[in-house]
């Protein structure tokens, strides 16, 4: 296998408590720590392991977004990616448009495998991988928890509601990764410093000829309703009494 393309999204770090703007027009991102989407980081780690085991010759990372996404791409370079490409836009890109943009890059780069997280933790759409595979007309394997490579195919163990499912797909293919696939490596400071000097290829999204006009409009954002405080009881009789006090019939 020659090239592995890894798609990465810039999201609010999973350790940060998400806050809605006072005017309810979006989520607060100013002064907030941003990171690689955790599922995409797992995808990058898997690609790097494939290269280290001689199953791939090159790993390159791709992100769609503003110039700030270079920070996450440099983290990917520090982890070990050979190069990075930023499709630059200041517009929020929906899943279908993202898949169409990635397809344009695939047509140029001709990767043998495209890896990306099963979903992004900011919108939880879980759509881009499936849409990309359909547009590319290539096999897909979603929610991968184990990847084995043979000559020209993959054996994927994927997590489904009933347990685990094993499927075989031919290359080239699109694979989305689940949490149990691996644990991403710790990025060392010397690697971070080296990554700062590596070039990042920047492509304006308009150059790709993809219509990124949003198809959906978000009217407003709101925080979830605050849960009421729980009540402790000493025994079954106390539980029954508490339920009756709240109007539940037994």
Protein backbone atom coordinates (compact mmCIF):
# COMPACT_ATOMS: atom_id res chain seq x y z
CA UNK A 1 0.00 0.00 0.00
CA UNK A 2 1.36 3.38 -1.00
CA UNK A 3 -0.52 6.36 0.47
CA UNK A 4 -2.79 6.66 3.48
CA UNK A 5 -4.86 9.83 3.72
CA UNK A 6 -6.06 10.83 7.20
CA UNK A 7 -8.83 13.40 7.58
CA UNK A 8 -8.72 15.51 10.74
CA UNK A 9 -11.12 18.10 12.15
CA UNK A 10 -10.41 20.94 14.57
CA UNK A 11 -12.83 20.78 17.52
CA UNK A 12 -13.17 22.11 21.04
CA UNK A 13 -11.02 19.89 23.26
CA UNK A 14 -13.01 17.09 24.87
CA UNK A 15 -11.87 18.19 28.33
CA UNK A 16 -13.39 21.65 27.90
CA UNK A 17 -16.91 22.38 29.09
CA UNK A 18 -18.82 23.65 26.06
CA UNK A 19 -20.65 26.96 26.59
CA UNK A 20 -23.29 28.59 24.40
CA UNK A 21 -22.82 32.23 23.46
CA UNK A 22 -25.10 34.69 25.30
CA UNK A 23 -26.87 35.58 22.04
CA UNK A 24 -27.39 31.84 21.28
CA UNK A 25 -25.72 32.13 17.86
CA UNK A 26 -23.16 29.41 18.47
CA UNK A 27 -20.65 27.87 20.84
CA UNK A 28 -17.95 29.88 22.57
CA UNK A 29 -14.57 29.17 20.94
CA UNK A 30 -12.62 32.34 21.77
CA UNK A 31 -9.90 31.54 24.27
CA UNK A 32 -10.96 27.89 24.32
CA UNK A 33 -8.49 25.04 23.86
CA UNK A 34 -8.92 23.37 20.46
CA UNK A 35 -7.65 19.92 19.53
CA UNK A 36 -7.78 17.22 16.89
CA UNK A 37 -11.10 15.42 16.99
CA UNK A 38 -10.32 12.37 19.20
CA UNK A 39 -11.64 9.85 16.67
CA UNK A 40 -9.49 11.43 13.94
CA UNK A 41 -6.45 11.26 16.21
CA UNK A 42 -7.07 7.52 16.51
CA UNK A 43 -7.26 7.33 12.71
CA UNK A 44 -3.89 9.06 12.42
CA UNK A 45 -2.33 6.76 15.00
CA UNK A 46 -3.54 3.71 13.07
CA UNK A 47 -2.11 5.09 9.82
CA UNK A 48 1.25 5.68 11.49
CA UNK A 49 1.29 2.13 12.85
CA UNK A 50 0.55 0.77 9.37
CA UNK A 51 3.53 2.70 8.01
CA UNK A 52 5.78 1.57 10.87
CA UNK A 53 4.87 -2.07 10.15
CA UNK A 54 5.75 -1.65 6.49
CA UNK A 55 2.12 -1.74 5.32
CA UNK A 56 2.17 1.83 3.97
CA UNK A 57 4.86 4.09 2.57
CA UNK A 58 3.36 7.53 3.22
CA UNK A 59 0.86 9.09 5.61
CA UNK A 60 -0.51 12.55 4.95
CA UNK A 61 -3.03 14.52 7.02
CA UNK A 62 -5.82 16.68 5.65
CA UNK A 63 -8.03 19.26 7.33
CA UNK A 64 -10.80 21.56 6.09
CA UNK A 65 -11.21 24.88 7.87
CA UNK A 66 -9.65 28.20 8.74
CA UNK A 67 -5.95 28.97 8.99
CA UNK A 68 -6.17 28.04 12.69
CA UNK A 69 -6.44 24.39 11.63
CA UNK A 70 -2.70 24.49 10.93
CA UNK A 71 -2.22 24.06 14.67
CA UNK A 72 -3.90 20.66 14.59
CA UNK A 73 -2.12 19.69 11.37
CA UNK A 74 1.22 20.48 13.02
CA UNK A 75 0.21 18.22 15.89
CA UNK A 76 -0.38 15.53 13.28
CA UNK A 77 3.07 16.21 11.81
CA UNK A 78 4.55 15.98 15.30
CA UNK A 79 2.88 12.61 15.76
CA UNK A 80 4.62 11.41 12.60
CA UNK A 81 2.61 12.33 9.50
CA UNK A 82 4.83 12.82 6.46
CA UNK A 83 3.03 15.93 5.24
CA UNK A 84 -0.12 17.97 5.75
CA UNK A 85 -2.68 19.71 3.54
CA UNK A 86 -5.12 22.42 4.62
CA UNK A 87 -8.21 23.11 2.52
CA UNK A 88 -8.71 26.65 3.73
CA UNK A 89 -12.12 28.22 4.28
CA UNK A 90 -13.68 30.41 6.95
CA UNK A 91 -17.09 28.88 6.32
CA UNK A 92 -18.56 26.04 8.37
CA UNK A 93 -18.62 23.03 6.07
CA UNK A 94 -21.44 20.49 6.21
CA UNK A 95 -20.81 16.75 5.89
CA UNK A 96 -21.73 16.39 2.22
CA UNK A 97 -19.62 19.37 1.18
CA UNK A 98 -16.71 18.00 3.24
CA UNK A 99 -17.01 14.65 1.46
CA UNK A 100 -17.06 16.39 -1.93
CA UNK A 101 -13.97 18.42 -1.04
CA UNK A 102 -12.12 15.33 0.18
CA UNK A 103 -13.07 13.53 -3.05
CA UNK A 104 -11.37 16.28 -5.07
CA UNK A 105 -8.20 15.72 -3.06
CA UNK A 106 -8.47 11.96 -3.53
CA UNK A 107 -8.62 12.46 -7.29
CA UNK A 108 -5.32 14.35 -7.07
CA UNK A 109 -3.49 12.25 -4.48
CA UNK A 110 -4.85 8.76 -5.31
CA UNK A 111 -4.53 7.29 -1.79
CA UNK A 112 -4.95 3.55 -1.24
CA UNK A 113 -6.72 4.07 2.07
CA UNK A 114 -8.66 6.96 3.62
CA UNK A 115 -8.93 6.94 7.40
CA UNK A 116 -11.07 9.27 9.49
CA UNK A 117 -12.91 9.24 12.78
CA UNK A 118 -16.40 7.77 12.86
CA UNK A 119 -17.77 11.16 13.97
CA UNK A 120 -16.69 14.59 15.18
CA UNK A 121 -17.43 15.41 18.80
CA UNK A 122 -18.75 18.88 17.94
CA UNK A 123 -21.73 17.90 15.77
CA UNK A 124 -21.76 14.07 16.08
CA UNK A 125 -23.06 13.74 12.52
CA UNK A 126 -21.36 10.41 11.69
CA UNK A 127 -21.88 11.03 7.95
CA UNK A 128 -18.71 12.14 6.18
CA UNK A 129 -17.05 8.71 5.84
CA UNK A 130 -20.17 7.10 4.41
CA UNK A 131 -20.80 9.97 2.00
CA UNK A 132 -17.18 9.99 0.85
CA UNK A 133 -17.23 6.26 0.12
CA UNK A 134 -20.45 6.62 -1.87
CA UNK A 135 -19.12 9.55 -3.91
CA UNK A 136 -15.81 7.76 -4.51
CA UNK A 137 -17.67 4.53 -5.33
CA UNK A 138 -15.31 2.52 -3.15
CA UNK A 139 -15.91 0.08 -0.25
CA UNK A 140 -16.33 1.40 3.28
CA UNK A 141 -15.94 0.00 6.77
CA UNK A 142 -17.28 2.07 9.64
CA UNK A 143 -16.69 1.93 13.41
CA UNK A 144 -13.46 -0.06 13.03
CA UNK A 145 -11.99 -1.47 16.25
CA UNK A 146 -9.35 -3.62 14.49
CA UNK A 147 -7.70 -3.41 11.07
CA UNK A 148 -5.74 -6.18 9.35
CA UNK A 149 -4.14 -5.71 5.93
CA UNK A 150 -3.53 -8.41 3.36
CA UNK A 151 -2.20 -7.87 -0.16
CA UNK A 152 -4.99 -5.75 -1.64
CA UNK A 153 -7.73 -5.90 0.96
CA UNK A 154 -8.58 -5.13 4.55
CA UNK A 155 -10.18 -7.26 7.24
CA UNK A 156 -12.08 -4.95 9.57
CA UNK A 157 -13.53 -5.79 12.95
CA UNK A 158 -16.27 -3.26 13.55
CA UNK A 159 -18.43 -2.48 16.54
CA UNK A 160 -22.17 -2.86 15.98
CA UNK A 161 -25.17 -2.93 18.31
CA UNK A 162 -25.14 -6.73 18.49
CA UNK A 163 -21.41 -6.94 19.29
CA UNK A 164 -18.58 -7.32 16.76
CA UNK A 165 -18.76 -7.85 13.01
CA UNK A 166 -15.86 -8.85 10.74
CA UNK A 167 -15.91 -7.78 7.09
CA UNK A 168 -13.43 -7.84 4.21
CA UNK A 169 -13.12 -4.86 1.86
CA UNK A 170 -10.98 -4.30 -1.21
CA UNK A 171 -8.58 -1.39 -1.50
CA UNK A 172 -8.85 1.51 -2.09
CA UNK A 173 -11.37 1.98 0.70
CA UNK A 174 -12.70 4.38 3.32
CA UNK A 175 -12.48 3.35 6.98
CA UNK A 176 -13.86 5.23 9.98
CA UNK A 177 -12.33 4.50 13.36
CA UNK A 178 -13.82 3.75 16.76
CA UNK A 179 -12.38 4.38 20.22
CA UNK A 180 -11.10 0.85 20.85
CA UNK A 181 -8.91 0.71 17.75
CA UNK A 182 -5.83 2.10 19.52
CA UNK A 183 -4.50 4.67 21.95
CA UNK A 184 -2.79 7.62 20.22
CA UNK A 185 0.85 8.21 21.08
CA UNK A 186 2.07 11.01 23.29
CA UNK A 187 3.61 13.85 21.30
CA UNK A 188 7.09 14.78 22.55
CA UNK A 189 8.35 18.35 22.71
CA UNK A 190 11.26 17.82 20.24
CA UNK A 191 8.78 16.49 17.69
CA UNK A 192 6.53 19.51 18.25
CA UNK A 193 9.46 21.85 17.60
CA UNK A 194 10.41 19.98 14.43
CA UNK A 195 6.81 20.09 13.20
CA UNK A 196 6.78 23.90 13.44
CA UNK A 197 9.39 24.03 10.67
CA UNK A 198 7.60 21.67 8.31
CA UNK A 199 5.62 23.23 5.46
CA UNK A 200 1.86 22.82 5.20
CA UNK A 201 0.29 22.89 1.74
CA UNK A 202 -2.64 25.33 1.73
CA UNK A 203 -5.35 25.09 -0.93
CA UNK A 204 -8.18 27.62 -1.10
CA UNK A 205 -11.46 25.73 -1.11
CA UNK A 206 -12.72 27.81 -4.06
CA UNK A 207 -9.98 26.31 -6.23
CA UNK A 208 -11.61 22.88 -5.95
CA UNK A 209 -14.87 23.93 -7.59
CA UNK A 210 -17.14 22.48 -4.89
CA UNK A 211 -20.40 24.19 -3.98
CA UNK A 212 -20.19 24.57 -0.19
CA UNK A 213 -23.41 26.57 0.22
CA UNK A 214 -25.06 25.35 3.44
CA UNK A 215 -28.23 23.29 3.00
CA UNK A 216 -29.30 23.68 6.61
CA UNK A 217 -29.85 26.71 8.80
CA UNK A 218 -29.43 26.61 12.57
CA UNK A 219 -31.85 29.05 14.12
CA UNK A 220 -30.34 29.14 17.60
CA UNK A 221 -28.37 27.23 20.21
CA UNK A 222 -29.43 26.42 23.76
CA UNK A 223 -27.88 24.65 26.72
CA UNK A 224 -29.52 21.41 27.93
CA UNK A 225 -32.08 21.67 30.71
CA UNK A 226 -30.42 21.44 34.12
CA UNK A 227 -31.20 18.14 35.79
CA UNK A 228 -32.92 18.26 39.14
CA UNK A 229 -30.93 17.12 42.14
CA UNK A 230 -31.29 13.48 43.12
CA UNK A 231 -32.79 12.31 46.39
CA UNK A 232 -31.24 9.71 48.69
CA UNK A 233 -33.45 7.20 50.52
CA UNK A 234 -32.53 4.76 53.28
CA UNK A 235 -34.67 1.77 52.31
CA UNK A 236 -37.43 0.47 50.07
CA UNK A 237 -40.11 2.08 52.19
CA UNK A 238 -38.40 5.42 51.78
CA UNK A 239 -38.23 4.89 48.00
CA UNK A 240 -41.94 4.06 47.84
CA UNK A 241 -42.77 7.13 49.90
CA UNK A 242 -40.62 9.40 47.74
CA UNK A 243 -42.29 8.10 44.57
CA UNK A 244 -45.75 8.68 46.03
CA UNK A 245 -44.79 12.23 47.00
CA UNK A 246 -43.90 12.90 43.36
CA UNK A 247 -47.26 11.60 42.19
CA UNK A 248 -46.21 8.16 40.94
CA UNK A 249 -48.78 5.43 41.61
CA UNK A 250 -47.56 1.98 42.60
